Amino acid sequence: MPIQPLFDRILVKRKEQARTTASGLILPDAGQEKMNQGTVVAVGTGNIDDNGTTFELEVKEGDLVVFGKYSGSTIQDENGDELLILKEKEILGIITE
């Protein structure tokens, strides 16, 4: 079931977090906070104003983005991967490399 976000919503896959410390200790999943960075998987068509004009989104597929800790709604795709649906205004920035 492919997911296509609507309007100004963006589908993001969270970045994997390191499970070991620098000294080699393995951290359990329960003790870790979720990353607030991820890769954009899909974007909606854009935001529509009161006059019916569509504005393109600033982010595109493949961008590495930073978002707020409690932003968006978490869903799972058909492979069991955890994805996040955000509005564009919930994205704090694009990480450029």
N, C-alpha and C. Protein backbone atom coordinates (compact mmCIF):
# COMPACT_ATOMS: atom_id res chain seq x y z
N MET A 1 0.84 -1.17 0.00
CA MET A 1 0.00 0.00 0.00
C MET A 1 0.89 1.24 0.00
N PRO A 2 1.19 1.77 -1.16
CA PRO A 2 1.96 3.01 -1.22
C PRO A 2 1.14 4.17 -0.64
N ILE A 3 1.81 5.07 0.02
CA ILE A 3 1.15 6.20 0.66
C ILE A 3 1.55 7.48 -0.05
N GLN A 4 0.57 8.26 -0.49
CA GLN A 4 0.81 9.54 -1.13
C GLN A 4 0.23 10.62 -0.22
N PRO A 5 1.09 11.47 0.38
CA PRO A 5 0.58 12.54 1.24
C PRO A 5 -0.24 13.55 0.44
N LEU A 6 -1.20 14.17 1.09
CA LEU A 6 -2.05 15.16 0.45
C LEU A 6 -1.61 16.57 0.81
N PHE A 7 -1.85 17.50 -0.10
CA PHE A 7 -1.63 18.93 0.08
C PHE A 7 -0.23 19.25 0.60
N ASP A 8 -0.11 19.84 1.80
CA ASP A 8 1.20 20.26 2.31
C ASP A 8 1.80 19.26 3.29
N ARG A 9 1.40 18.01 3.17
CA ARG A 9 1.94 16.98 4.07
C ARG A 9 3.12 16.27 3.42
N ILE A 10 3.99 15.76 4.29
CA ILE A 10 5.24 15.14 3.84
C ILE A 10 5.41 13.82 4.59
N LEU A 11 5.85 12.79 3.87
CA LEU A 11 6.10 11.48 4.45
C LEU A 11 7.59 11.33 4.68
N VAL A 12 7.99 11.05 5.92
CA VAL A 12 9.40 11.02 6.32
C VAL A 12 9.72 9.68 6.97
N LYS A 13 10.88 9.13 6.62
CA LYS A 13 11.40 7.94 7.30
C LYS A 13 12.48 8.40 8.26
N ARG A 14 12.28 8.10 9.55
CA ARG A 14 13.26 8.52 10.56
C ARG A 14 14.63 7.92 10.30
N LYS A 15 15.64 8.66 10.66
CA LYS A 15 17.02 8.20 10.56
C LYS A 15 17.26 7.18 11.67
N GLU A 16 17.98 6.11 11.34
CA GLU A 16 18.30 5.09 12.35
C GLU A 16 19.28 5.66 13.36
N GLN A 17 19.10 5.29 14.60
CA GLN A 17 19.95 5.75 15.68
C GLN A 17 21.00 4.69 16.00
N ALA A 18 22.19 5.14 16.34
CA ALA A 18 23.26 4.22 16.71
C ALA A 18 22.85 3.43 17.95
N ARG A 19 23.07 2.14 17.91
CA ARG A 19 22.68 1.27 19.03
C ARG A 19 23.84 0.97 19.97
N THR A 20 25.04 1.41 19.64
CA THR A 20 26.18 1.20 20.52
C THR A 20 26.84 2.54 20.83
N THR A 21 27.43 2.62 21.99
CA THR A 21 28.14 3.82 22.39
C THR A 21 29.56 3.77 21.84
N ALA A 22 30.30 4.85 22.03
CA ALA A 22 31.68 4.91 21.55
C ALA A 22 32.54 3.84 22.22
N SER A 23 32.20 3.48 23.45
CA SER A 23 32.97 2.47 24.16
C SER A 23 32.53 1.04 23.83
N GLY A 24 31.48 0.88 22.99
CA GLY A 24 31.05 -0.44 22.57
C GLY A 24 29.87 -1.01 23.33
N LEU A 25 29.27 -0.25 24.26
CA LEU A 25 28.10 -0.73 24.99
C LEU A 25 26.89 -0.73 24.08
N ILE A 26 26.09 -1.79 24.14
CA ILE A 26 24.88 -1.88 23.33
C ILE A 26 23.72 -1.31 24.13
N LEU A 27 23.00 -0.36 23.50
CA LEU A 27 21.87 0.29 24.16
C LEU A 27 20.57 -0.40 23.77
N PRO A 28 19.70 -0.69 24.75
CA PRO A 28 18.40 -1.28 24.40
C PRO A 28 17.50 -0.24 23.74
N ASP A 29 16.53 -0.71 22.95
CA ASP A 29 15.62 0.20 22.26
C ASP A 29 14.79 1.04 23.23
N ALA A 30 14.41 0.47 24.34
CA ALA A 30 13.54 1.16 25.28
C ALA A 30 14.22 2.38 25.91
N GLY A 31 15.52 2.39 25.98
CA GLY A 31 16.24 3.48 26.62
C GLY A 31 16.63 4.59 25.67
N GLN A 32 16.24 4.49 24.42
CA GLN A 32 16.66 5.49 23.43
C GLN A 32 15.52 6.41 23.06
N GLU A 33 15.87 7.68 22.84
CA GLU A 33 14.91 8.61 22.29
C GLU A 33 14.92 8.48 20.79
N LYS A 34 13.81 8.79 20.15
CA LYS A 34 13.74 8.71 18.70
C LYS A 34 14.44 9.92 18.09
N MET A 35 15.07 9.68 16.95
CA MET A 35 15.76 10.75 16.24
C MET A 35 14.75 11.76 15.71
N ASN A 36 15.16 13.03 15.66
CA ASN A 36 14.30 14.05 15.09
C ASN A 36 14.81 14.46 13.70
N GLN A 37 15.45 13.52 13.02
CA GLN A 37 15.91 13.71 11.65
C GLN A 37 15.40 12.56 10.81
N GLY A 38 15.20 12.84 9.52
CA GLY A 38 14.75 11.78 8.64
C GLY A 38 14.84 12.18 7.19
N THR A 39 14.61 11.21 6.32
CA THR A 39 14.66 11.40 4.88
C THR A 39 13.24 11.49 4.34
N VAL A 40 13.00 12.47 3.47
CA VAL A 40 11.69 12.66 2.86
C VAL A 40 11.47 11.53 1.85
N VAL A 41 10.37 10.79 2.02
CA VAL A 41 10.04 9.67 1.14
C VAL A 41 9.06 10.13 0.05
N ALA A 42 8.09 10.97 0.41
CA ALA A 42 7.10 11.46 -0.54
C ALA A 42 6.57 12.82 -0.07
N VAL A 43 6.13 13.64 -1.01
CA VAL A 43 5.57 14.95 -0.69
C VAL A 43 4.21 15.10 -1.35
N GLY A 44 3.38 15.96 -0.75
CA GLY A 44 2.07 16.23 -1.32
C GLY A 44 2.17 17.20 -2.49
N THR A 45 1.01 17.58 -3.01
CA THR A 45 0.96 18.43 -4.20
C THR A 45 1.24 19.89 -3.90
N GLY A 46 1.10 20.31 -2.66
CA GLY A 46 1.36 21.70 -2.29
C GLY A 46 0.21 22.29 -1.52
N ASN A 47 0.44 23.46 -0.99
CA ASN A 47 -0.56 24.16 -0.19
C ASN A 47 -1.45 25.00 -1.10
N ILE A 48 -2.74 25.08 -0.80
CA ILE A 48 -3.68 25.86 -1.60
C ILE A 48 -4.19 27.02 -0.75
N ASP A 49 -4.08 28.25 -1.30
CA ASP A 49 -4.56 29.41 -0.56
C ASP A 49 -6.05 29.63 -0.82
N ASP A 50 -6.62 30.70 -0.29
CA ASP A 50 -8.06 30.97 -0.41
C ASP A 50 -8.50 31.23 -1.85
N ASN A 51 -7.57 31.68 -2.70
CA ASN A 51 -7.90 31.96 -4.10
C ASN A 51 -7.78 30.74 -5.00
N GLY A 52 -7.34 29.62 -4.46
CA GLY A 52 -7.20 28.40 -5.23
C GLY A 52 -5.83 28.22 -5.86
N THR A 53 -4.90 29.11 -5.53
CA THR A 53 -3.54 29.01 -6.06
C THR A 53 -2.75 27.98 -5.26
N THR A 54 -2.05 27.09 -5.96
CA THR A 54 -1.25 26.06 -5.32
C THR A 54 0.20 26.52 -5.21
N PHE A 55 0.77 26.38 -4.03
CA PHE A 55 2.17 26.72 -3.77
C PHE A 55 2.96 25.45 -3.60
N GLU A 56 4.06 25.31 -4.32
CA GLU A 56 4.90 24.12 -4.21
C GLU A 56 5.57 24.09 -2.84
N LEU A 57 5.90 22.89 -2.39
CA LEU A 57 6.57 22.72 -1.11
C LEU A 57 8.07 23.00 -1.26
N GLU A 58 8.70 23.43 -0.17
CA GLU A 58 10.13 23.73 -0.17
C GLU A 58 10.98 22.47 -0.17
N VAL A 59 10.46 21.39 0.41
CA VAL A 59 11.22 20.15 0.48
C VAL A 59 10.86 19.24 -0.69
N LYS A 60 11.76 18.32 -1.01
CA LYS A 60 11.51 17.35 -2.09
C LYS A 60 11.96 15.98 -1.63
N GLU A 61 11.60 14.97 -2.38
CA GLU A 61 11.97 13.60 -2.03
C GLU A 61 13.49 13.48 -1.96
N GLY A 62 13.97 12.78 -0.93
CA GLY A 62 15.40 12.57 -0.76
C GLY A 62 16.07 13.57 0.17
N ASP A 63 15.39 14.68 0.52
CA ASP A 63 15.98 15.67 1.43
C ASP A 63 16.10 15.09 2.83
N LEU A 64 17.19 15.44 3.52
CA LEU A 64 17.36 15.09 4.93
C LEU A 64 16.86 16.27 5.74
N VAL A 65 15.85 16.06 6.58
CA VAL A 65 15.19 17.15 7.29
C VAL A 65 15.25 16.95 8.81
N VAL A 66 15.07 18.07 9.52
CA VAL A 66 14.98 18.08 10.98
C VAL A 66 13.56 18.52 11.33
N PHE A 67 12.94 17.83 12.28
CA PHE A 67 11.58 18.17 12.69
C PHE A 67 11.49 18.16 14.20
N GLY A 68 10.42 18.71 14.74
CA GLY A 68 10.21 18.78 16.18
C GLY A 68 10.04 17.40 16.80
N LYS A 69 10.34 17.32 18.08
CA LYS A 69 10.32 16.04 18.80
C LYS A 69 8.94 15.38 18.80
N TYR A 70 7.90 16.17 18.94
CA TYR A 70 6.54 15.62 19.03
C TYR A 70 5.71 15.94 17.78
N SER A 71 6.36 16.15 16.65
CA SER A 71 5.66 16.52 15.41
C SER A 71 5.11 15.31 14.69
N GLY A 72 4.03 15.52 13.96
CA GLY A 72 3.51 14.53 13.03
C GLY A 72 2.78 13.36 13.65
N SER A 73 2.37 12.46 12.77
CA SER A 73 1.67 11.22 13.14
C SER A 73 2.47 10.03 12.64
N THR A 74 2.65 9.05 13.49
CA THR A 74 3.43 7.87 13.15
C THR A 74 2.53 6.81 12.52
N ILE A 75 3.00 6.22 11.41
CA ILE A 75 2.28 5.13 10.76
C ILE A 75 3.30 4.04 10.39
N GLN A 76 2.81 2.89 9.97
CA GLN A 76 3.68 1.82 9.48
C GLN A 76 3.30 1.48 8.05
N ASP A 77 4.30 1.24 7.21
CA ASP A 77 4.02 0.85 5.84
C ASP A 77 3.88 -0.67 5.75
N GLU A 78 3.72 -1.19 4.53
CA GLU A 78 3.49 -2.63 4.36
C GLU A 78 4.68 -3.48 4.77
N ASN A 79 5.88 -2.90 4.83
CA ASN A 79 7.08 -3.64 5.25
C ASN A 79 7.31 -3.58 6.75
N GLY A 80 6.45 -2.85 7.47
CA GLY A 80 6.61 -2.70 8.91
C GLY A 80 7.52 -1.55 9.31
N ASP A 81 7.99 -0.76 8.31
CA ASP A 81 8.84 0.39 8.62
C ASP A 81 7.99 1.50 9.21
N GLU A 82 8.55 2.19 10.20
CA GLU A 82 7.86 3.29 10.83
C GLU A 82 8.09 4.57 10.04
N LEU A 83 7.01 5.21 9.63
CA LEU A 83 7.08 6.47 8.88
C LEU A 83 6.34 7.54 9.64
N LEU A 84 6.60 8.78 9.28
CA LEU A 84 6.01 9.92 9.95
C LEU A 84 5.37 10.82 8.91
N ILE A 85 4.12 11.24 9.14
CA ILE A 85 3.47 12.20 8.26
C ILE A 85 3.46 13.54 8.97
N LEU A 86 4.06 14.54 8.32
CA LEU A 86 4.19 15.88 8.88
C LEU A 86 3.58 16.90 7.95
N LYS A 87 3.17 18.03 8.50
CA LYS A 87 2.86 19.19 7.67
C LYS A 87 4.18 19.91 7.39
N GLU A 88 4.24 20.63 6.30
CA GLU A 88 5.49 21.30 5.93
C GLU A 88 5.95 22.27 7.03
N LYS A 89 5.02 22.95 7.69
CA LYS A 89 5.41 23.92 8.71
C LYS A 89 6.01 23.27 9.96
N GLU A 90 5.85 21.94 10.12
CA GLU A 90 6.46 21.23 11.25
C GLU A 90 7.93 20.90 11.01
N ILE A 91 8.39 21.05 9.77
CA ILE A 91 9.79 20.81 9.47
C ILE A 91 10.59 22.05 9.83
N LEU A 92 11.63 21.85 10.63
CA LEU A 92 12.42 22.98 11.11
C LEU A 92 13.52 23.38 10.15
N GLY A 93 14.02 22.44 9.35
CA GLY A 93 15.08 22.76 8.41
C GLY A 93 15.49 21.58 7.56
N ILE A 94 16.24 21.89 6.50
CA ILE A 94 16.80 20.88 5.60
C ILE A 94 18.30 20.81 5.87
N ILE A 95 18.83 19.61 6.07
CA ILE A 95 20.24 19.43 6.33
C ILE A 95 20.95 19.32 4.98
N THR A 96 21.89 20.23 4.73
CA THR A 96 22.65 20.19 3.49
C THR A 96 24.01 19.61 3.80
N GLU A 97 24.49 18.76 2.90
CA GLU A 97 25.77 18.08 3.14
C GLU A 97 26.84 18.59 2.22
